[in-house]
PDB file of all heavy atoms in Angstrom:
ATOM      1  N   SER A   1       0.853  -1.177  -0.007  1.00  0.00           N
ATOM      2  CA  SER A   1       0.016   0.011   0.019  1.00  0.00           C
ATOM      3  C   SER A   1       0.874   1.248   0.000  1.00  0.00           C
ATOM      4  O   SER A   1       1.992   1.236   0.401  1.00  0.00           O
ATOM      5  CB  SER A   1      -0.946  -0.015   1.195  1.00  0.00           C
ATOM      6  OG  SER A   1      -0.209   0.022   2.374  1.00  0.00           O
ATOM      7  N   ILE A   2       0.281   2.355  -0.440  1.00  0.00           N
ATOM      8  CA  ILE A   2       0.971   3.637  -0.553  1.00  0.00           C
ATOM      9  C   ILE A   2       0.515   4.517   0.618  1.00  0.00           C
ATOM     10  O   ILE A   2      -0.685   4.667   0.838  1.00  0.00           O
ATOM     11  CB  ILE A   2       0.629   4.335  -1.889  1.00  0.00           C
ATOM     12  CG1 ILE A   2       0.939   3.445  -3.077  1.00  0.00           C
ATOM     13  CG2 ILE A   2       1.371   5.657  -1.968  1.00  0.00           C
ATOM     14  CD1 ILE A   2       2.391   3.112  -3.271  1.00  0.00           C
ATOM     15  N   THR A   3       1.478   5.112   1.359  1.00  0.00           N
ATOM     16  CA  THR A   3       1.142   5.984   2.446  1.00  0.00           C
ATOM     17  C   THR A   3       1.994   7.245   2.406  1.00  0.00           C
ATOM     18  O   THR A   3       3.029   7.280   1.737  1.00  0.00           O
ATOM     19  CB  THR A   3       1.374   5.310   3.825  1.00  0.00           C
ATOM     20  OG1 THR A   3       2.736   4.885   3.969  1.00  0.00           O
ATOM     21  CG2 THR A   3       0.457   4.102   4.018  1.00  0.00           C
ATOM     22  N   ASN A   4       1.584   8.275   3.086  1.00  0.00           N
ATOM     23  CA  ASN A   4       2.309   9.484   3.352  1.00  0.00           C
ATOM     24  C   ASN A   4       2.780  10.204   2.029  1.00  0.00           C
ATOM     25  O   ASN A   4       3.926  10.562   1.925  1.00  0.00           O
ATOM     26  CB  ASN A   4       3.528   9.213   4.243  1.00  0.00           C
ATOM     27  CG  ASN A   4       4.060  10.445   4.891  1.00  0.00           C
ATOM     28  OD1 ASN A   4       3.347  11.414   5.023  1.00  0.00           O
ATOM     29  ND2 ASN A   4       5.298  10.388   5.282  1.00  0.00           N
ATOM     30  N   PRO A   5       1.854  10.478   1.068  1.00  0.00           N
ATOM     31  CA  PRO A   5       2.270  11.232  -0.093  1.00  0.00           C
ATOM     32  C   PRO A   5       2.517  12.693   0.290  1.00  0.00           C
ATOM     33  O   PRO A   5       1.784  13.281   1.025  1.00  0.00           O
ATOM     34  CB  PRO A   5       1.119  11.095  -1.062  1.00  0.00           C
ATOM     35  CG  PRO A   5      -0.060  10.828  -0.166  1.00  0.00           C
ATOM     36  CD  PRO A   5       0.444  10.089   1.046  1.00  0.00           C
ATOM     37  N   GLN A   6       3.680  13.251  -0.138  1.00  0.00           N
ATOM     38  CA  GLN A   6       4.015  14.636   0.129  1.00  0.00           C
ATOM     39  C   GLN A   6       4.581  15.259  -1.155  1.00  0.00           C
ATOM     40  O   GLN A   6       5.400  14.612  -1.857  1.00  0.00           O
ATOM     41  CB  GLN A   6       5.063  14.717   1.197  1.00  0.00           C
ATOM     42  CG  GLN A   6       4.646  14.160   2.540  1.00  0.00           C
ATOM     43  CD  GLN A   6       5.787  14.274   3.579  1.00  0.00           C
ATOM     44  OE1 GLN A   6       6.902  14.623   3.222  1.00  0.00           O
ATOM     45  NE2 GLN A   6       5.480  13.847   4.782  1.00  0.00           N
ATOM     46  N   ILE A   7       4.205  16.480  -1.402  1.00  0.00           N
ATOM     47  CA  ILE A   7       4.759  17.202  -2.540  1.00  0.00           C
ATOM     48  C   ILE A   7       6.147  17.742  -2.137  1.00  0.00           C
ATOM     49  O   ILE A   7       6.249  18.464  -1.155  1.00  0.00           O
ATOM     50  CB  ILE A   7       3.847  18.372  -2.977  1.00  0.00           C
ATOM     51  CG1 ILE A   7       2.458  17.820  -3.408  1.00  0.00           C
ATOM     52  CG2 ILE A   7       4.494  19.211  -4.104  1.00  0.00           C
ATOM     53  CD1 ILE A   7       2.487  16.914  -4.602  1.00  0.00           C
ATOM     54  N   LEU A   8       7.170  17.389  -2.875  1.00  0.00           N
ATOM     55  CA  LEU A   8       8.505  17.920  -2.641  1.00  0.00           C
ATOM     56  C   LEU A   8       8.725  19.213  -3.352  1.00  0.00           C
ATOM     57  O   LEU A   8       9.352  20.146  -2.800  1.00  0.00           O
ATOM     58  CB  LEU A   8       9.569  16.909  -3.100  1.00  0.00           C
ATOM     59  CG  LEU A   8       9.543  15.568  -2.428  1.00  0.00           C
ATOM     60  CD1 LEU A   8      10.569  14.627  -3.036  1.00  0.00           C
ATOM     61  CD2 LEU A   8       9.765  15.666  -0.943  1.00  0.00           C
ATOM     62  N   LYS A   9       8.240  19.304  -4.599  1.00  0.00           N
ATOM     63  CA  LYS A   9       8.335  20.564  -5.384  1.00  0.00           C
ATOM     64  C   LYS A   9       7.154  20.603  -6.283  1.00  0.00           C
ATOM     65  O   LYS A   9       6.879  19.687  -7.063  1.00  0.00           O
ATOM     66  CB  LYS A   9       9.626  20.549  -6.205  1.00  0.00           C
ATOM     67  CG  LYS A   9       9.796  21.833  -7.004  1.00  0.00           C
ATOM     68  CD  LYS A   9      11.096  21.825  -7.782  1.00  0.00           C
ATOM     69  CE  LYS A   9      11.229  23.087  -8.586  1.00  0.00           C
ATOM     70  NZ  LYS A   9      12.336  22.997  -9.507  1.00  0.00           N
ATOM     71  N   GLY A  10       6.290  21.590  -6.102  1.00  0.00           N
ATOM     72  CA  GLY A  10       5.060  21.719  -6.848  1.00  0.00           C
ATOM     73  C   GLY A  10       5.095  22.841  -7.827  1.00  0.00           C
ATOM     74  O   GLY A  10       5.998  23.679  -7.850  1.00  0.00           O
ATOM     75  N   ILE A  11       4.028  22.893  -8.710  1.00  0.00           N
ATOM     76  CA  ILE A  11       3.893  23.940  -9.642  1.00  0.00           C
ATOM     77  C   ILE A  11       2.611  24.749  -9.458  1.00  0.00           C
ATOM     78  O   ILE A  11       2.361  25.743 -10.125  1.00  0.00           O
ATOM     79  CB  ILE A  11       3.977  23.430 -11.120  1.00  0.00           C
ATOM     80  CG1 ILE A  11       2.887  22.390 -11.374  1.00  0.00           C
ATOM     81  CG2 ILE A  11       5.363  22.923 -11.414  1.00  0.00           C
ATOM     82  CD1 ILE A  11       2.805  21.948 -12.835  1.00  0.00           C
ATOM     83  N   GLY A  12       1.774  24.303  -8.534  1.00  0.00           N
ATOM     84  CA  GLY A  12       0.534  24.984  -8.232  1.00  0.00           C
ATOM     85  C   GLY A  12      -0.582  24.767  -9.279  1.00  0.00           C
ATOM     86  O   GLY A  12      -0.510  23.783  -9.999  1.00  0.00           O
ATOM     87  N   TYR A  13      -1.534  25.661  -9.373  1.00  0.00           N
ATOM     88  CA  TYR A  13      -2.607  25.646 -10.348  1.00  0.00           C
ATOM     89  C   TYR A  13      -3.446  24.357 -10.252  1.00  0.00           C
ATOM     90  O   TYR A  13      -4.014  23.878 -11.229  1.00  0.00           O
ATOM     91  CB  TYR A  13      -2.110  25.804 -11.787  1.00  0.00           C
ATOM     92  CG  TYR A  13      -1.280  27.051 -11.947  1.00  0.00           C
ATOM     93  CD1 TYR A  13       0.132  26.960 -12.052  1.00  0.00           C
ATOM     94  CD2 TYR A  13      -1.841  28.316 -11.952  1.00  0.00           C
ATOM     95  CE1 TYR A  13       0.882  28.079 -12.203  1.00  0.00           C
ATOM     96  CE2 TYR A  13      -1.081  29.437 -12.102  1.00  0.00           C
ATOM     97  CZ  TYR A  13       0.280  29.317 -12.204  1.00  0.00           C
ATOM     98  OH  TYR A  13       1.047  30.466 -12.364  1.00  0.00           O
ATOM     99  N   GLY A  14      -3.482  23.702  -9.081  1.00  0.00           N
ATOM    100  CA  GLY A  14      -4.263  22.498  -8.892  1.00  0.00           C
ATOM    101  C   GLY A  14      -3.560  21.223  -9.258  1.00  0.00           C
ATOM    102  O   GLY A  14      -4.076  20.133  -8.998  1.00  0.00           O
ATOM    103  N   CYS A  15      -2.388  21.355  -9.834  1.00  0.00           N
ATOM    104  CA  CYS A  15      -1.619  20.156 -10.261  1.00  0.00           C
ATOM    105  C   CYS A  15      -1.118  19.376  -9.049  1.00  0.00           C
ATOM    106  O   CYS A  15      -1.125  18.127  -9.072  1.00  0.00           O
ATOM    107  CB  CYS A  15      -0.446  20.539 -11.142  1.00  0.00           C
ATOM    108  SG  CYS A  15      -0.928  21.273 -12.686  1.00  0.00           S
ATOM    109  N   ASP A  16      -0.672  20.098  -7.999  1.00  0.00           N
ATOM    110  CA  ASP A  16      -0.173  19.377  -6.815  1.00  0.00           C
ATOM    111  C   ASP A  16      -1.259  18.521  -6.201  1.00  0.00           C
ATOM    112  O   ASP A  16      -0.999  17.368  -5.809  1.00  0.00           O
ATOM    113  CB  ASP A  16       0.313  20.422  -5.782  1.00  0.00           C
ATOM    114  CG  ASP A  16       1.386  21.329  -6.355  1.00  0.00           C
ATOM    115  OD1 ASP A  16       1.913  21.033  -7.448  1.00  0.00           O
ATOM    116  OD2 ASP A  16       1.724  22.333  -5.678  1.00  0.00           O
ATOM    117  N   GLU A  17      -2.512  19.068  -6.071  1.00  0.00           N
ATOM    118  CA  GLU A  17      -3.580  18.322  -5.485  1.00  0.00           C
ATOM    119  C   GLU A  17      -3.911  17.091  -6.372  1.00  0.00           C
ATOM    120  O   GLU A  17      -4.278  16.026  -5.838  1.00  0.00           O
ATOM    121  CB  GLU A  17      -4.805  19.167  -5.343  1.00  0.00           C
ATOM    122  CG  GLU A  17      -4.660  20.308  -4.299  1.00  0.00           C
ATOM    123  CD  GLU A  17      -3.919  21.538  -4.822  1.00  0.00           C
ATOM    124  OE1 GLU A  17      -3.623  21.601  -6.037  1.00  0.00           O
ATOM    125  OE2 GLU A  17      -3.586  22.393  -3.982  1.00  0.00           O
ATOM    126  N   GLU A  18      -3.819  17.229  -7.670  1.00  0.00           N
ATOM    127  CA  GLU A  18      -4.136  16.107  -8.564  1.00  0.00           C
ATOM    128  C   GLU A  18      -3.110  14.975  -8.411  1.00  0.00           C
ATOM    129  O   GLU A  18      -3.460  13.805  -8.441  1.00  0.00           O
ATOM    130  CB  GLU A  18      -4.187  16.558 -10.016  1.00  0.00           C
ATOM    131  CG  GLU A  18      -5.479  17.274 -10.361  1.00  0.00           C
ATOM    132  CD  GLU A  18      -6.722  16.419 -10.164  1.00  0.00           C
ATOM    133  OE1 GLU A  18      -6.737  15.245 -10.556  1.00  0.00           O
ATOM    134  OE2 GLU A  18      -7.662  16.949  -9.570  1.00  0.00           O
ATOM    135  N   VAL A  19      -1.850  15.354  -8.207  1.00  0.00           N
ATOM    136  CA  VAL A  19      -0.820  14.330  -8.005  1.00  0.00           C
ATOM    137  C   VAL A  19      -1.038  13.555  -6.710  1.00  0.00           C
ATOM    138  O   VAL A  19      -0.962  12.353  -6.680  1.00  0.00           O
ATOM    139  CB  VAL A  19       0.615  14.964  -8.005  1.00  0.00           C
ATOM    140  CG1 VAL A  19       1.650  13.981  -7.573  1.00  0.00           C
ATOM    141  CG2 VAL A  19       0.888  15.504  -9.397  1.00  0.00           C
ATOM    142  N   ILE A  20      -1.415  14.289  -5.635  1.00  0.00           N
ATOM    143  CA  ILE A  20      -1.710  13.606  -4.350  1.00  0.00           C
ATOM    144  C   ILE A  20      -2.905  12.662  -4.560  1.00  0.00           C
ATOM    145  O   ILE A  20      -2.872  11.495  -4.082  1.00  0.00           O
ATOM    146  CB  ILE A  20      -2.035  14.629  -3.256  1.00  0.00           C
ATOM    147  CG1 ILE A  20      -0.818  15.476  -2.887  1.00  0.00           C
ATOM    148  CG2 ILE A  20      -2.606  13.962  -2.008  1.00  0.00           C
ATOM    149  CD1 ILE A  20       0.278  14.701  -2.214  1.00  0.00           C
ATOM    150  N   LYS A  21      -3.919  13.087  -5.270  1.00  0.00           N
ATOM    151  CA  LYS A  21      -5.088  12.242  -5.508  1.00  0.00           C
ATOM    152  C   LYS A  21      -4.717  11.006  -6.342  1.00  0.00           C
ATOM    153  O   LYS A  21      -5.155   9.910  -6.083  1.00  0.00           O
ATOM    154  CB  LYS A  21      -6.173  13.019  -6.254  1.00  0.00           C
ATOM    155  CG  LYS A  21      -7.551  12.394  -6.232  1.00  0.00           C
ATOM    156  CD  LYS A  21      -8.573  13.162  -7.053  1.00  0.00           C
ATOM    157  CE  LYS A  21      -8.617  14.619  -6.824  1.00  0.00           C
ATOM    158  NZ  LYS A  21      -9.654  15.303  -7.574  1.00  0.00           N
ATOM    159  N   LEU A  22      -3.843  11.220  -7.346  1.00  0.00           N
ATOM    160  CA  LEU A  22      -3.357  10.103  -8.164  1.00  0.00           C
ATOM    161  C   LEU A  22      -2.588   9.073  -7.340  1.00  0.00           C
ATOM    162  O   LEU A  22      -2.831   7.894  -7.431  1.00  0.00           O
ATOM    163  CB  LEU A  22      -2.455  10.687  -9.264  1.00  0.00           C
ATOM    164  CG  LEU A  22      -1.677   9.670 -10.113  1.00  0.00           C
ATOM    165  CD1 LEU A  22      -2.622   9.117 -11.153  1.00  0.00           C
ATOM    166  CD2 LEU A  22      -0.462  10.317 -10.704  1.00  0.00           C
ATOM    167  N   ILE A  23      -1.698   9.544  -6.458  1.00  0.00           N
ATOM    168  CA  ILE A  23      -0.917   8.644  -5.671  1.00  0.00           C
ATOM    169  C   ILE A  23      -1.790   7.878  -4.662  1.00  0.00           C
ATOM    170  O   ILE A  23      -1.619   6.669  -4.489  1.00  0.00           O
ATOM    171  CB  ILE A  23       0.189   9.423  -4.890  1.00  0.00           C
ATOM    172  CG1 ILE A  23       1.173  10.091  -5.860  1.00  0.00           C
ATOM    173  CG2 ILE A  23       0.924   8.536  -3.904  1.00  0.00           C
ATOM    174  CD1 ILE A  23       1.937   9.198  -6.728  1.00  0.00           C
ATOM    175  N   GLU A  24      -2.752   8.542  -4.085  1.00  0.00           N
ATOM    176  CA  GLU A  24      -3.597   7.881  -3.088  1.00  0.00           C
ATOM    177  C   GLU A  24      -4.509   6.818  -3.755  1.00  0.00           C
ATOM    178  O   GLU A  24      -4.906   5.861  -3.117  1.00  0.00           O
ATOM    179  CB  GLU A  24      -4.494   8.910  -2.394  1.00  0.00           C
ATOM    180  CG  GLU A  24      -3.710   9.752  -1.404  1.00  0.00           C
ATOM    181  CD  GLU A  24      -4.525  10.878  -0.791  1.00  0.00           C
ATOM    182  OE1 GLU A  24      -5.626  11.197  -1.347  1.00  0.00           O
ATOM    183  OE2 GLU A  24      -4.086  11.382   0.223  1.00  0.00           O
ATOM    184  N   ASN A  25      -4.814   6.929  -5.033  1.00  0.00           N
ATOM    185  CA  ASN A  25      -5.690   5.994  -5.708  1.00  0.00           C
ATOM    186  C   ASN A  25      -4.938   4.947  -6.561  1.00  0.00           C
ATOM    187  O   ASN A  25      -5.570   4.211  -7.306  1.00  0.00           O
ATOM    188  CB  ASN A  25      -6.660   6.747  -6.630  1.00  0.00           C
ATOM    189  CG  ASN A  25      -7.657   7.568  -5.787  1.00  0.00           C
ATOM    190  OD1 ASN A  25      -8.133   7.103  -4.746  1.00  0.00           O
ATOM    191  ND2 ASN A  25      -7.940   8.813  -6.207  1.00  0.00           N
ATOM    192  N   MET A  26      -3.644   4.923  -6.461  1.00  0.00           N
ATOM    193  CA  MET A  26      -2.856   3.917  -7.218  1.00  0.00           C
ATOM    194  C   MET A  26      -3.074   2.497  -6.620  1.00  0.00           C
ATOM    195  O   MET A  26      -3.309   2.365  -5.469  1.00  0.00           O
ATOM    196  CB  MET A  26      -1.361   4.216  -7.148  1.00  0.00           C
ATOM    197  CG  MET A  26      -0.938   5.323  -8.071  1.00  0.00           C
ATOM    198  SD  MET A  26       0.818   5.374  -8.458  1.00  0.00           S
ATOM    199  CE  MET A  26       1.571   5.507  -6.884  1.00  0.00           C
ATOM    200  N   PRO A  27      -2.999   1.475  -7.516  1.00  0.00           N
ATOM    201  CA  PRO A  27      -3.088   0.125  -7.012  1.00  0.00           C
ATOM    202  C   PRO A  27      -1.845  -0.240  -6.186  1.00  0.00           C
ATOM    203  O   PRO A  27      -0.867   0.521  -6.175  1.00  0.00           O
ATOM    204  CB  PRO A  27      -3.129  -0.738  -8.271  1.00  0.00           C
ATOM    205  CG  PRO A  27      -2.587   0.126  -9.345  1.00  0.00           C
ATOM    206  CD  PRO A  27      -2.851   1.543  -8.950  1.00  0.00           C
ATOM    207  N   ARG A  28      -1.894  -1.324  -5.469  1.00  0.00           N
ATOM    208  CA  ARG A  28      -0.803  -1.753  -4.617  1.00  0.00           C
ATOM    209  C   ARG A  28       0.450  -1.990  -5.451  1.00  0.00           C
ATOM    210  O   ARG A  28       0.370  -2.500  -6.568  1.00  0.00           O
ATOM    211  CB  ARG A  28      -1.161  -3.008  -3.854  1.00  0.00           C
ATOM    212  CG  ARG A  28      -2.187  -2.794  -2.819  1.00  0.00           C
ATOM    213  CD  ARG A  28      -2.383  -4.069  -1.985  1.00  0.00           C
ATOM    214  NE  ARG A  28      -3.455  -3.842  -1.006  1.00  0.00           N
ATOM    215  CZ  ARG A  28      -3.273  -3.441   0.238  1.00  0.00           C
ATOM    216  NH1 ARG A  28      -2.059  -3.155   0.629  1.00  0.00           N
ATOM    217  NH2 ARG A  28      -4.267  -3.291   1.038  1.00  0.00           N
ATOM    218  N   TRP A  29       1.588  -1.643  -4.936  1.00  0.00           N
ATOM    219  CA  TRP A  29       2.916  -1.851  -5.536  1.00  0.00           C
ATOM    220  C   TRP A  29       3.517  -3.140  -4.994  1.00  0.00           C
ATOM    221  O   TRP A  29       3.079  -3.662  -3.962  1.00  0.00           O
ATOM    222  CB  TRP A  29       3.850  -0.706  -5.219  1.00  0.00           C
ATOM    223  CG  TRP A  29       3.578   0.550  -5.985  1.00  0.00           C
ATOM    224  CD1 TRP A  29       2.353   1.087  -6.305  1.00  0.00           C
ATOM    225  CD2 TRP A  29       4.538   1.448  -6.481  1.00  0.00           C
ATOM    226  NE1 TRP A  29       2.525   2.250  -6.964  1.00  0.00           N
ATOM    227  CE2 TRP A  29       3.861   2.512  -7.063  1.00  0.00           C
ATOM    228  CE3 TRP A  29       5.917   1.478  -6.446  1.00  0.00           C
ATOM    229  CZ2 TRP A  29       4.527   3.566  -7.699  1.00  0.00           C
ATOM    230  CZ3 TRP A  29       6.573   2.524  -7.048  1.00  0.00           C
ATOM    231  CH2 TRP A  29       5.861   3.543  -7.641  1.00  0.00           C
ATOM    232  N   ASN A  30       4.554  -3.609  -5.664  1.00  0.00           N
ATOM    233  CA  ASN A  30       5.369  -4.678  -5.092  1.00  0.00           C
ATOM    234  C   ASN A  30       6.248  -4.050  -4.066  1.00  0.00           C
ATOM    235  O   ASN A  30       6.988  -3.085  -4.376  1.00  0.00           O
ATOM    236  CB  ASN A  30       6.210  -5.376  -6.173  1.00  0.00           C
ATOM    237  CG  ASN A  30       5.323  -6.108  -7.169  1.00  0.00           C
ATOM    238  OD1 ASN A  30       4.269  -6.600  -6.821  1.00  0.00           O
ATOM    239  ND2 ASN A  30       5.797  -6.178  -8.409  1.00  0.00           N
ATOM    240  N   PRO A  31       6.275  -4.574  -2.823  1.00  0.00           N
ATOM    241  CA  PRO A  31       7.114  -3.926  -1.769  1.00  0.00           C
ATOM    242  C   PRO A  31       8.611  -4.193  -2.018  1.00  0.00           C
ATOM    243  O   PRO A  31       8.964  -5.125  -2.753  1.00  0.00           O
ATOM    244  CB  PRO A  31       6.620  -4.625  -0.517  1.00  0.00           C
ATOM    245  CG  PRO A  31       6.114  -5.920  -0.964  1.00  0.00           C
ATOM    246  CD  PRO A  31       5.564  -5.714  -2.324  1.00  0.00           C
ATOM    247  N   GLY A  32       9.431  -3.389  -1.369  1.00  0.00           N
ATOM    248  CA  GLY A  32      10.866  -3.593  -1.399  1.00  0.00           C
ATOM    249  C   GLY A  32      11.192  -4.833  -0.608  1.00  0.00           C
ATOM    250  O   GLY A  32      10.493  -5.158   0.359  1.00  0.00           O
ATOM    251  N   MET A  33      12.264  -5.512  -0.997  1.00  0.00           N
ATOM    252  CA  MET A  33      12.634  -6.772  -0.299  1.00  0.00           C
ATOM    253  C   MET A  33      14.066  -6.570   0.247  1.00  0.00           C
ATOM    254  O   MET A  33      14.937  -6.017  -0.431  1.00  0.00           O
ATOM    255  CB  MET A  33      12.642  -7.917  -1.252  1.00  0.00           C
ATOM    256  CG  MET A  33      11.255  -8.197  -1.902  1.00  0.00           C
ATOM    257  SD  MET A  33      10.031  -8.700  -0.719  1.00  0.00           S
ATOM    258  CE  MET A  33      10.401 -10.428  -0.517  1.00  0.00           C
ATOM    259  N   GLN A  34      14.239  -7.027   1.480  1.00  0.00           N
ATOM    260  CA  GLN A  34      15.564  -7.003   2.085  1.00  0.00           C
ATOM    261  C   GLN A  34      15.738  -8.338   2.867  1.00  0.00           C
ATOM    262  O   GLN A  34      14.925  -8.631   3.752  1.00  0.00           O
ATOM    263  CB  GLN A  34      15.700  -5.813   3.057  1.00  0.00           C
ATOM    264  CG  GLN A  34      17.118  -5.647   3.539  1.00  0.00           C
ATOM    265  CD  GLN A  34      17.235  -4.351   4.327  1.00  0.00           C
ATOM    266  OE1 GLN A  34      16.277  -3.792   4.868  1.00  0.00           O
ATOM    267  NE2 GLN A  34      18.468  -3.828   4.379  1.00  0.00           N
ATOM    268  N   ARG A  35      16.710  -9.135   2.489  1.00  0.00           N
ATOM    269  CA  ARG A  35      16.973 -10.445   3.054  1.00  0.00           C
ATOM    270  C   ARG A  35      15.730 -11.350   2.933  1.00  0.00           C
ATOM    271  O   ARG A  35      15.394 -12.078   3.900  1.00  0.00           O
ATOM    272  CB  ARG A  35      17.420 -10.318   4.472  1.00  0.00           C
ATOM    273  CG  ARG A  35      18.752  -9.620   4.647  1.00  0.00           C
ATOM    274  CD  ARG A  35      19.270  -9.707   6.060  1.00  0.00           C
ATOM    275  NE  ARG A  35      20.531  -8.930   6.144  1.00  0.00           N
ATOM    276  CZ  ARG A  35      20.666  -7.891   6.947  1.00  0.00           C
ATOM    277  NH1 ARG A  35      19.714  -7.467   7.713  1.00  0.00           N
ATOM    278  NH2 ARG A  35      21.824  -7.273   6.958  1.00  0.00           N
ATOM    279  N   GLY A  36      15.015 -11.215   1.855  1.00  0.00           N
ATOM    280  CA  GLY A  36      13.856 -12.064   1.605  1.00  0.00           C
ATOM    281  C   GLY A  36      12.562 -11.636   2.297  1.00  0.00           C
ATOM    282  O   GLY A  36      11.573 -12.323   2.172  1.00  0.00           O
TER     283      GLY A  36
END
């Protein structure tokens, strides 16, 4: 699952909010693996 989306550098005009919405609605990713 995806948590804690934060804008590091935005351009405004509603684009930043759309990116947050996009990230929150993404399907599950494959998690990182460390030592299996």
